PDB file of all heavy atoms in Angstrom:
ATOM      1  N   CYS A   1      -7.881  11.094  -4.739  1.00  0.00           N
ATOM      2  CA  CYS A   1      -6.517  11.147  -4.136  1.00  0.00           C
ATOM      3  C   CYS A   1      -6.073  12.581  -4.006  1.00  0.00           C
ATOM      4  O   CYS A   1      -5.880  13.269  -5.034  1.00  0.00           O
ATOM      5  CB  CYS A   1      -5.556  10.260  -4.921  1.00  0.00           C
ATOM      6  SG  CYS A   1      -4.034   9.859  -4.121  1.00  0.00           S
ATOM      7  N   PRO A   2      -5.873  13.098  -2.769  1.00  0.00           N
ATOM      8  CA  PRO A   2      -5.498  14.578  -2.622  1.00  0.00           C
ATOM      9  C   PRO A   2      -4.045  14.908  -2.724  1.00  0.00           C
ATOM     10  O   PRO A   2      -3.713  16.038  -2.731  1.00  0.00           O
ATOM     11  CB  PRO A   2      -6.039  14.792  -1.164  1.00  0.00           C
ATOM     12  CG  PRO A   2      -5.729  13.440  -0.443  1.00  0.00           C
ATOM     13  CD  PRO A   2      -6.001  12.443  -1.470  1.00  0.00           C
ATOM     14  N   GLY A   3      -3.200  13.905  -2.917  1.00  0.00           N
ATOM     15  CA  GLY A   3      -1.762  14.167  -2.972  1.00  0.00           C
ATOM     16  C   GLY A   3      -0.999  12.887  -3.463  1.00  0.00           C
ATOM     17  O   GLY A   3      -1.511  11.848  -3.505  1.00  0.00           O
ATOM     18  N   PRO A   4       0.399  13.167  -3.686  1.00  0.00           N
ATOM     19  CA  PRO A   4       1.129  11.982  -4.147  1.00  0.00           C
ATOM     20  C   PRO A   4       1.459  11.017  -3.060  1.00  0.00           C
ATOM     21  O   PRO A   4       1.401  11.332  -1.868  1.00  0.00           O
ATOM     22  CB  PRO A   4       2.415  12.681  -4.722  1.00  0.00           C
ATOM     23  CG  PRO A   4       2.479  13.969  -3.913  1.00  0.00           C
ATOM     24  CD  PRO A   4       1.140  14.399  -3.642  1.00  0.00           C
ATOM     25  N   ARG A   5       1.955   9.863  -3.475  1.00  0.00           N
ATOM     26  CA  ARG A   5       2.428   8.754  -2.588  1.00  0.00           C
ATOM     27  C   ARG A   5       1.348   8.460  -1.518  1.00  0.00           C
ATOM     28  O   ARG A   5       1.744   8.195  -0.332  1.00  0.00           O
ATOM     29  CB  ARG A   5       3.699   9.177  -1.890  1.00  0.00           C
ATOM     30  CG  ARG A   5       4.759   9.491  -2.865  1.00  0.00           C
ATOM     31  CD  ARG A   5       6.184   9.713  -2.176  1.00  0.00           C
ATOM     32  NE  ARG A   5       7.179  10.066  -3.135  1.00  0.00           N
ATOM     33  CZ  ARG A   5       7.536  11.279  -3.450  1.00  0.00           C
ATOM     34  NH1 ARG A   5       6.911  12.254  -2.985  1.00  0.00           N
ATOM     35  NH2 ARG A   5       8.604  11.483  -4.317  1.00  0.00           N
ATOM     36  N   ARG A   6       0.101   8.389  -1.935  1.00  0.00           N
ATOM     37  CA  ARG A   6      -1.024   7.950  -1.044  1.00  0.00           C
ATOM     38  C   ARG A   6      -1.800   6.777  -1.576  1.00  0.00           C
ATOM     39  O   ARG A   6      -2.577   6.216  -0.854  1.00  0.00           O
ATOM     40  CB  ARG A   6      -1.943   9.188  -0.756  1.00  0.00           C
ATOM     41  CG  ARG A   6      -1.051  10.244  -0.040  1.00  0.00           C
ATOM     42  CD  ARG A   6      -1.894  11.570   0.108  1.00  0.00           C
ATOM     43  NE  ARG A   6      -0.913  12.724   0.333  1.00  0.00           N
ATOM     44  CZ  ARG A   6      -1.242  13.924   0.710  1.00  0.00           C
ATOM     45  NH1 ARG A   6      -2.563  14.117   0.908  1.00  0.00           N
ATOM     46  NH2 ARG A   6      -0.494  14.828   0.741  1.00  0.00           N
ATOM     47  N   TRP A   7      -1.639   6.492  -2.874  1.00  0.00           N
ATOM     48  CA  TRP A   7      -2.256   5.384  -3.508  1.00  0.00           C
ATOM     49  C   TRP A   7      -1.206   4.522  -4.087  1.00  0.00           C
ATOM     50  O   TRP A   7      -0.479   4.930  -5.073  1.00  0.00           O
ATOM     51  CB  TRP A   7      -3.241   5.833  -4.559  1.00  0.00           C
ATOM     52  CG  TRP A   7      -3.909   4.763  -5.350  1.00  0.00           C
ATOM     53  CD1 TRP A   7      -3.550   4.282  -6.542  1.00  0.00           C
ATOM     54  CD2 TRP A   7      -5.179   4.067  -5.026  1.00  0.00           C
ATOM     55  NE1 TRP A   7      -4.429   3.285  -6.979  1.00  0.00           N
ATOM     56  CE2 TRP A   7      -5.448   3.177  -5.987  1.00  0.00           C
ATOM     57  CE3 TRP A   7      -6.069   4.185  -3.875  1.00  0.00           C
ATOM     58  CZ2 TRP A   7      -6.541   2.262  -5.986  1.00  0.00           C
ATOM     59  CZ3 TRP A   7      -7.113   3.326  -3.843  1.00  0.00           C
ATOM     60  CH2 TRP A   7      -7.383   2.415  -4.865  1.00  0.00           C
ATOM     61  N   PHE A   8      -1.042   3.274  -3.632  1.00  0.00           N
ATOM     62  CA  PHE A   8       0.051   2.447  -4.103  1.00  0.00           C
ATOM     63  C   PHE A   8      -0.571   1.162  -4.761  1.00  0.00           C
ATOM     64  O   PHE A   8      -1.224   0.367  -4.086  1.00  0.00           O
ATOM     65  CB  PHE A   8       0.898   1.997  -2.868  1.00  0.00           C
ATOM     66  CG  PHE A   8       1.588   3.134  -2.221  1.00  0.00           C
ATOM     67  CD1 PHE A   8       0.854   3.878  -1.191  1.00  0.00           C
ATOM     68  CD2 PHE A   8       2.896   3.524  -2.584  1.00  0.00           C
ATOM     69  CE1 PHE A   8       1.557   4.958  -0.637  1.00  0.00           C
ATOM     70  CE2 PHE A   8       3.524   4.660  -1.909  1.00  0.00           C
ATOM     71  CZ  PHE A   8       2.824   5.308  -0.941  1.00  0.00           C
ATOM     72  N   PHE A   9      -0.275   0.974  -6.038  1.00  0.00           N
ATOM     73  CA  PHE A   9      -0.887  -0.082  -6.816  1.00  0.00           C
ATOM     74  C   PHE A   9       0.277  -0.759  -7.630  1.00  0.00           C
ATOM     75  O   PHE A   9       1.104   0.002  -8.245  1.00  0.00           O
ATOM     76  CB  PHE A   9      -1.902   0.515  -7.850  1.00  0.00           C
ATOM     77  CG  PHE A   9      -2.469  -0.499  -8.769  1.00  0.00           C
ATOM     78  CD1 PHE A   9      -3.582  -1.385  -8.419  1.00  0.00           C
ATOM     79  CD2 PHE A   9      -2.046  -0.651 -10.058  1.00  0.00           C
ATOM     80  CE1 PHE A   9      -4.050  -2.303  -9.171  1.00  0.00           C
ATOM     81  CE2 PHE A   9      -2.647  -1.569 -10.927  1.00  0.00           C
ATOM     82  CZ  PHE A   9      -3.592  -2.451 -10.523  1.00  0.00           C
ATOM     83  N   PRO A  10       0.316  -2.123  -7.609  1.00  0.00           N
ATOM     84  CA  PRO A  10       1.369  -2.776  -8.299  1.00  0.00           C
ATOM     85  C   PRO A  10       1.256  -2.830  -9.755  1.00  0.00           C
ATOM     86  O   PRO A  10       1.279  -3.825 -10.415  1.00  0.00           O
ATOM     87  CB  PRO A  10       1.395  -4.134  -7.610  1.00  0.00           C
ATOM     88  CG  PRO A  10      -0.042  -4.385  -7.407  1.00  0.00           C
ATOM     89  CD  PRO A  10      -0.648  -3.011  -7.023  1.00  0.00           C
ATOM     90  N   ALA A  11       1.353  -1.627 -10.368  1.00  0.00           N
ATOM     91  CA  ALA A  11       1.225  -1.555 -11.866  1.00  0.00           C
ATOM     92  C   ALA A  11       2.553  -2.121 -12.415  1.00  0.00           C
ATOM     93  O   ALA A  11       3.585  -2.065 -11.850  1.00  0.00           O
ATOM     94  CB  ALA A  11       1.044  -0.061 -12.273  1.00  0.00           C
ATOM     95  N   GLY A  12       2.521  -2.690 -13.607  1.00  0.00           N
ATOM     96  CA  GLY A  12       3.653  -3.230 -14.246  1.00  0.00           C
ATOM     97  C   GLY A  12       3.711  -4.701 -14.202  1.00  0.00           C
ATOM     98  O   GLY A  12       3.010  -5.396 -14.981  1.00  0.00           O
ATOM     99  N   TYR A  13       4.307  -5.324 -13.229  1.00  0.00           N
ATOM    100  CA  TYR A  13       4.383  -6.768 -13.033  1.00  0.00           C
ATOM    101  C   TYR A  13       3.068  -7.327 -12.556  1.00  0.00           C
ATOM    102  O   TYR A  13       2.759  -8.522 -12.680  1.00  0.00           O
ATOM    103  CB  TYR A  13       5.493  -7.261 -12.175  1.00  0.00           C
ATOM    104  CG  TYR A  13       6.853  -7.052 -12.772  1.00  0.00           C
ATOM    105  CD1 TYR A  13       7.799  -6.089 -12.386  1.00  0.00           C
ATOM    106  CD2 TYR A  13       7.285  -7.933 -13.873  1.00  0.00           C
ATOM    107  CE1 TYR A  13       9.054  -5.973 -12.974  1.00  0.00           C
ATOM    108  CE2 TYR A  13       8.509  -7.839 -14.408  1.00  0.00           C
ATOM    109  CZ  TYR A  13       9.405  -6.864 -14.068  1.00  0.00           C
ATOM    110  OH  TYR A  13      10.630  -6.644 -14.618  1.00  0.00           O
ATOM    111  N   GLY A  14       2.224  -6.509 -11.978  1.00  0.00           N
ATOM    112  CA  GLY A  14       0.919  -6.983 -11.504  1.00  0.00           C
ATOM    113  C   GLY A  14       1.092  -8.114 -10.327  1.00  0.00           C
ATOM    114  O   GLY A  14       0.601  -9.173 -10.495  1.00  0.00           O
ATOM    115  N   THR A  15       1.690  -7.654  -9.293  1.00  0.00           N
ATOM    116  CA  THR A  15       2.184  -8.495  -8.283  1.00  0.00           C
ATOM    117  C   THR A  15       0.906  -8.895  -7.265  1.00  0.00           C
ATOM    118  O   THR A  15       0.584  -8.161  -6.495  1.00  0.00           O
ATOM    119  CB  THR A  15       3.295  -7.921  -7.427  1.00  0.00           C
ATOM    120  OG1 THR A  15       4.223  -7.260  -8.346  1.00  0.00           O
ATOM    121  CG2 THR A  15       3.990  -8.953  -6.655  1.00  0.00           C
ATOM    122  N   LEU A  16       0.438 -10.138  -7.507  1.00  0.00           N
ATOM    123  CA  LEU A  16      -0.585 -10.608  -6.549  1.00  0.00           C
ATOM    124  C   LEU A  16       0.041 -10.759  -5.189  1.00  0.00           C
ATOM    125  O   LEU A  16       1.172 -11.299  -4.971  1.00  0.00           O
ATOM    126  CB  LEU A  16      -1.116 -11.967  -6.976  1.00  0.00           C
ATOM    127  CG  LEU A  16      -2.377 -11.803  -7.944  1.00  0.00           C
ATOM    128  CD1 LEU A  16      -2.572 -13.189  -8.616  1.00  0.00           C
ATOM    129  CD2 LEU A  16      -3.557 -11.432  -7.202  1.00  0.00           C
ATOM    130  N   GLY A  17      -0.755 -10.308  -4.216  1.00  0.00           N
ATOM    131  CA  GLY A  17      -0.178 -10.399  -2.772  1.00  0.00           C
ATOM    132  C   GLY A  17       0.531  -9.174  -2.308  1.00  0.00           C
ATOM    133  O   GLY A  17       1.083  -9.085  -1.181  1.00  0.00           O
ATOM    134  N   PHE A  18       0.616  -8.187  -3.132  1.00  0.00           N
ATOM    135  CA  PHE A  18       1.424  -6.895  -2.803  1.00  0.00           C
ATOM    136  C   PHE A  18       0.947  -6.234  -1.669  1.00  0.00           C
ATOM    137  O   PHE A  18       1.600  -5.648  -0.849  1.00  0.00           O
ATOM    138  CB  PHE A  18       1.505  -6.054  -4.135  1.00  0.00           C
ATOM    139  CG  PHE A  18       1.927  -4.661  -3.790  1.00  0.00           C
ATOM    140  CD1 PHE A  18       3.316  -4.319  -3.808  1.00  0.00           C
ATOM    141  CD2 PHE A  18       1.059  -3.625  -3.703  1.00  0.00           C
ATOM    142  CE1 PHE A  18       3.822  -3.139  -3.578  1.00  0.00           C
ATOM    143  CE2 PHE A  18       1.598  -2.295  -3.415  1.00  0.00           C
ATOM    144  CZ  PHE A  18       2.922  -2.004  -3.483  1.00  0.00           C
ATOM    145  N   ALA A  19      -0.428  -6.049  -1.573  1.00  0.00           N
ATOM    146  CA  ALA A  19      -1.038  -5.116  -0.629  1.00  0.00           C
ATOM    147  C   ALA A  19      -0.638  -5.296   0.827  1.00  0.00           C
ATOM    148  O   ALA A  19      -0.315  -4.368   1.564  1.00  0.00           O
ATOM    149  CB  ALA A  19      -2.522  -5.123  -0.838  1.00  0.00           C
ATOM    150  N   LEU A  20      -0.728  -6.558   1.296  1.00  0.00           N
ATOM    151  CA  LEU A  20      -0.559  -6.742   2.766  1.00  0.00           C
ATOM    152  C   LEU A  20       0.899  -6.428   3.191  1.00  0.00           C
ATOM    153  O   LEU A  20       1.132  -5.580   4.102  1.00  0.00           O
ATOM    154  CB  LEU A  20      -0.928  -8.141   3.109  1.00  0.00           C
ATOM    155  CG  LEU A  20      -0.704  -8.454   4.570  1.00  0.00           C
ATOM    156  CD1 LEU A  20      -1.406  -7.561   5.638  1.00  0.00           C
ATOM    157  CD2 LEU A  20      -1.011  -9.967   4.962  1.00  0.00           C
ATOM    158  N   PRO A  21       1.947  -7.044   2.593  1.00  0.00           N
ATOM    159  CA  PRO A  21       3.293  -6.710   3.107  1.00  0.00           C
ATOM    160  C   PRO A  21       3.656  -5.237   2.768  1.00  0.00           C
ATOM    161  O   PRO A  21       4.455  -4.635   3.439  1.00  0.00           O
ATOM    162  CB  PRO A  21       4.117  -7.688   2.277  1.00  0.00           C
ATOM    163  CG  PRO A  21       3.329  -8.139   1.106  1.00  0.00           C
ATOM    164  CD  PRO A  21       1.943  -8.171   1.603  1.00  0.00           C
ATOM    165  N   ALA A  22       3.104  -4.680   1.665  1.00  0.00           N
ATOM    166  CA  ALA A  22       3.369  -3.363   1.352  1.00  0.00           C
ATOM    167  C   ALA A  22       2.800  -2.352   2.392  1.00  0.00           C
ATOM    168  O   ALA A  22       3.457  -1.402   2.804  1.00  0.00           O
ATOM    169  CB  ALA A  22       2.916  -2.935  -0.037  1.00  0.00           C
ATOM    170  N   ALA A  23       1.534  -2.675   2.825  1.00  0.00           N
ATOM    171  CA  ALA A  23       0.911  -1.873   3.882  1.00  0.00           C
ATOM    172  C   ALA A  23       1.683  -1.958   5.204  1.00  0.00           C
ATOM    173  O   ALA A  23       1.851  -1.009   5.866  1.00  0.00           O
ATOM    174  CB  ALA A  23      -0.460  -2.354   4.041  1.00  0.00           C
ATOM    175  N   ILE A  24       2.174  -3.106   5.577  1.00  0.00           N
ATOM    176  CA  ILE A  24       3.012  -3.261   6.775  1.00  0.00           C
ATOM    177  C   ILE A  24       4.239  -2.402   6.635  1.00  0.00           C
ATOM    178  O   ILE A  24       4.564  -1.712   7.533  1.00  0.00           O
ATOM    179  CB  ILE A  24       3.390  -4.831   6.923  1.00  0.00           C
ATOM    180  CG1 ILE A  24       2.151  -5.548   7.340  1.00  0.00           C
ATOM    181  CG2 ILE A  24       4.398  -4.920   8.101  1.00  0.00           C
ATOM    182  CD1 ILE A  24       2.328  -7.101   7.308  1.00  0.00           C
ATOM    183  N   GLY A  25       4.862  -2.455   5.432  1.00  0.00           N
ATOM    184  CA  GLY A  25       6.075  -1.677   5.207  1.00  0.00           C
ATOM    185  C   GLY A  25       5.744  -0.155   5.250  1.00  0.00           C
ATOM    186  O   GLY A  25       6.487   0.637   5.774  1.00  0.00           O
ATOM    187  N   GLY A  26       4.602   0.232   4.745  1.00  0.00           N
ATOM    188  CA  GLY A  26       4.153   1.539   4.723  1.00  0.00           C
ATOM    189  C   GLY A  26       3.937   2.058   6.168  1.00  0.00           C
ATOM    190  O   GLY A  26       4.324   3.193   6.495  1.00  0.00           O
ATOM    191  N   LYS A  27       3.429   1.196   7.056  1.00  0.00           N
ATOM    192  CA  LYS A  27       3.159   1.607   8.383  1.00  0.00           C
ATOM    193  C   LYS A  27       4.463   1.810   9.165  1.00  0.00           C
ATOM    194  O   LYS A  27       4.600   2.696   9.999  1.00  0.00           O
ATOM    195  CB  LYS A  27       2.252   0.615   9.123  1.00  0.00           C
ATOM    196  CG  LYS A  27       1.749   1.147  10.430  1.00  0.00           C
ATOM    197  CD  LYS A  27       0.850   2.368  10.371  1.00  0.00           C
ATOM    198  CE  LYS A  27       0.438   2.730  11.701  1.00  0.00           C
ATOM    199  NZ  LYS A  27      -0.453   3.968  11.661  1.00  0.00           N
ATOM    200  N   LEU A  28       5.436   0.888   8.876  1.00  0.00           N
ATOM    201  CA  LEU A  28       6.779   1.015   9.483  1.00  0.00           C
ATOM    202  C   LEU A  28       7.365   2.331   9.094  1.00  0.00           C
ATOM    203  O   LEU A  28       8.133   3.026   9.808  1.00  0.00           O
ATOM    204  CB  LEU A  28       7.599  -0.137   9.139  1.00  0.00           C
ATOM    205  CG  LEU A  28       7.211  -1.489   9.722  1.00  0.00           C
ATOM    206  CD1 LEU A  28       8.038  -2.662   9.172  1.00  0.00           C
ATOM    207  CD2 LEU A  28       7.428  -1.486  11.351  1.00  0.00           C
ATOM    208  N   ALA A  29       7.253   2.679   7.755  1.00  0.00           N
ATOM    209  CA  ALA A  29       7.862   3.833   7.210  1.00  0.00           C
ATOM    210  C   ALA A  29       7.232   5.194   7.648  1.00  0.00           C
ATOM    211  O   ALA A  29       7.852   6.185   7.837  1.00  0.00           O
ATOM    212  CB  ALA A  29       7.951   3.841   5.651  1.00  0.00           C
ATOM    213  N   ALA A  30       5.916   5.083   7.838  1.00  0.00           N
ATOM    214  CA  ALA A  30       5.135   6.286   8.304  1.00  0.00           C
ATOM    215  C   ALA A  30       4.147   5.867   9.418  1.00  0.00           C
ATOM    216  O   ALA A  30       3.028   5.840   9.246  1.00  0.00           O
ATOM    217  CB  ALA A  30       4.360   6.821   7.025  1.00  0.00           C
ATOM    218  N   PRO A  31       4.771   5.670  10.608  1.00  0.00           N
ATOM    219  CA  PRO A  31       3.962   5.157  11.634  1.00  0.00           C
ATOM    220  C   PRO A  31       2.905   6.181  12.188  1.00  0.00           C
ATOM    221  O   PRO A  31       1.914   5.724  12.840  1.00  0.00           O
ATOM    222  CB  PRO A  31       5.001   4.943  12.828  1.00  0.00           C
ATOM    223  CG  PRO A  31       6.086   5.847  12.426  1.00  0.00           C
ATOM    224  CD  PRO A  31       6.187   5.876  10.986  1.00  0.00           C
ATOM    225  N   ASP A  32       2.961   7.493  11.811  1.00  0.00           N
ATOM    226  CA  ASP A  32       2.049   8.449  12.238  1.00  0.00           C
ATOM    227  C   ASP A  32       0.787   8.590  11.290  1.00  0.00           C
ATOM    228  O   ASP A  32      -0.078   9.309  11.538  1.00  0.00           O
ATOM    229  CB  ASP A  32       2.715   9.843  12.367  1.00  0.00           C
ATOM    230  CG  ASP A  32       3.324  10.238  11.070  1.00  0.00           C
ATOM    231  OD1 ASP A  32       3.958   9.430  10.332  1.00  0.00           O
ATOM    232  OD2 ASP A  32       3.360  11.469  10.672  1.00  0.00           O
ATOM    233  N   LYS A  33       0.854   7.748  10.150  1.00  0.00           N
ATOM    234  CA  LYS A  33      -0.188   7.943   9.210  1.00  0.00           C
ATOM    235  C   LYS A  33      -1.088   6.714   9.163  1.00  0.00           C
ATOM    236  O   LYS A  33      -0.564   5.603   9.214  1.00  0.00           O
ATOM    237  CB  LYS A  33       0.356   8.173   7.756  1.00  0.00           C
ATOM    238  CG  LYS A  33       1.147   9.481   7.678  1.00  0.00           C
ATOM    239  CD  LYS A  33       1.699   9.571   6.303  1.00  0.00           C
ATOM    240  CE  LYS A  33       2.404  11.003   6.076  1.00  0.00           C
ATOM    241  NZ  LYS A  33       2.958  11.106   4.761  1.00  0.00           N
ATOM    242  N   PRO A  34      -2.413   6.919   9.016  1.00  0.00           N
ATOM    243  CA  PRO A  34      -3.303   5.661   8.855  1.00  0.00           C
ATOM    244  C   PRO A  34      -2.939   5.013   7.539  1.00  0.00           C
ATOM    245  O   PRO A  34      -2.640   5.540   6.468  1.00  0.00           O
ATOM    246  CB  PRO A  34      -4.703   6.304   8.740  1.00  0.00           C
ATOM    247  CG  PRO A  34      -4.556   7.749   9.290  1.00  0.00           C
ATOM    248  CD  PRO A  34      -3.231   8.136   8.961  1.00  0.00           C
ATOM    249  N   VAL A  35      -2.990   3.657   7.663  1.00  0.00           N
ATOM    250  CA  VAL A  35      -2.680   2.867   6.529  1.00  0.00           C
ATOM    251  C   VAL A  35      -3.744   1.785   6.277  1.00  0.00           C
ATOM    252  O   VAL A  35      -4.267   1.214   7.143  1.00  0.00           O
ATOM    253  CB  VAL A  35      -1.324   2.148   6.748  1.00  0.00           C
ATOM    254  CG1 VAL A  35      -0.993   1.072   5.589  1.00  0.00           C
ATOM    255  CG2 VAL A  35      -0.201   3.103   6.781  1.00  0.00           C
ATOM    256  N   VAL A  36      -4.200   1.602   5.019  1.00  0.00           N
ATOM    257  CA  VAL A  36      -5.152   0.677   4.580  1.00  0.00           C
ATOM    258  C   VAL A  36      -4.571  -0.276   3.532  1.00  0.00           C
ATOM    259  O   VAL A  36      -3.891   0.084   2.613  1.00  0.00           O
ATOM    260  CB  VAL A  36      -6.426   1.367   3.976  1.00  0.00           C
ATOM    261  CG1 VAL A  36      -7.360   0.394   3.368  1.00  0.00           C
ATOM    262  CG2 VAL A  36      -7.037   2.295   5.079  1.00  0.00           C
ATOM    263  N   ALA A  37      -4.941  -1.546   3.724  1.00  0.00           N
ATOM    264  CA  ALA A  37      -4.575  -2.568   2.707  1.00  0.00           C
ATOM    265  C   ALA A  37      -5.922  -3.006   1.971  1.00  0.00           C
ATOM    266  O   ALA A  37      -6.869  -3.417   2.692  1.00  0.00           O
ATOM    267  CB  ALA A  37      -3.918  -3.857   3.376  1.00  0.00           C
ATOM    268  N   LEU A  38      -6.013  -2.776   0.730  1.00  0.00           N
ATOM    269  CA  LEU A  38      -7.137  -3.093  -0.068  1.00  0.00           C
ATOM    270  C   LEU A  38      -6.767  -4.296  -0.986  1.00  0.00           C
ATOM    271  O   LEU A  38      -6.077  -4.161  -1.910  1.00  0.00           O
ATOM    272  CB  LEU A  38      -7.515  -1.893  -0.956  1.00  0.00           C
ATOM    273  CG  LEU A  38      -8.941  -1.953  -1.664  1.00  0.00           C
ATOM    274  CD1 LEU A  38     -10.052  -2.019  -0.657  1.00  0.00           C
ATOM    275  CD2 LEU A  38      -9.024  -0.734  -2.446  1.00  0.00           C
ATOM    276  N   VAL A  39      -7.417  -5.502  -0.567  1.00  0.00           N
ATOM    277  CA  VAL A  39      -6.864  -6.727  -1.177  1.00  0.00           C
ATOM    278  C   VAL A  39      -8.034  -7.693  -1.404  1.00  0.00           C
ATOM    279  O   VAL A  39      -8.908  -7.623  -0.448  1.00  0.00           O
ATOM    280  CB  VAL A  39      -5.743  -7.372  -0.356  1.00  0.00           C
ATOM    281  CG1 VAL A  39      -6.208  -7.671   1.087  1.00  0.00           C
ATOM    282  CG2 VAL A  39      -5.198  -8.495  -1.020  1.00  0.00           C
ATOM    283  N   GLY A  40      -8.058  -8.417  -2.392  1.00  0.00           N
ATOM    284  CA  GLY A  40      -9.038  -9.536  -2.605  1.00  0.00           C
ATOM    285  C   GLY A  40      -8.607 -10.797  -1.928  1.00  0.00           C
ATOM    286  O   GLY A  40      -7.523 -10.936  -1.499  1.00  0.00           O
ATOM    287  N   ASP A  41      -9.537 -11.707  -1.863  1.00  0.00           N
ATOM    288  CA  ASP A  41      -9.284 -12.988  -1.176  1.00  0.00           C
ATOM    289  C   ASP A  41      -8.086 -13.712  -1.809  1.00  0.00           C
ATOM    290  O   ASP A  41      -7.185 -14.336  -1.117  1.00  0.00           O
ATOM    291  CB  ASP A  41     -10.447 -13.864  -1.131  1.00  0.00           C
ATOM    292  CG  ASP A  41     -11.123 -14.197  -2.376  1.00  0.00           C
ATOM    293  OD1 ASP A  41     -10.813 -13.548  -3.415  1.00  0.00           O
ATOM    294  OD2 ASP A  41     -12.158 -14.921  -2.450  1.00  0.00           O
TER     295      ASP A  41
END
């Protein structure tokens, strides 16, 4: 990871299902940046 606020992991409550809606929100917040959702089935 080359800088801050580039790896988002739901530490703490361990929220299953976080990645997809968070990635959508991330793309809305930073539309000029590539966004990846890394999620299991």
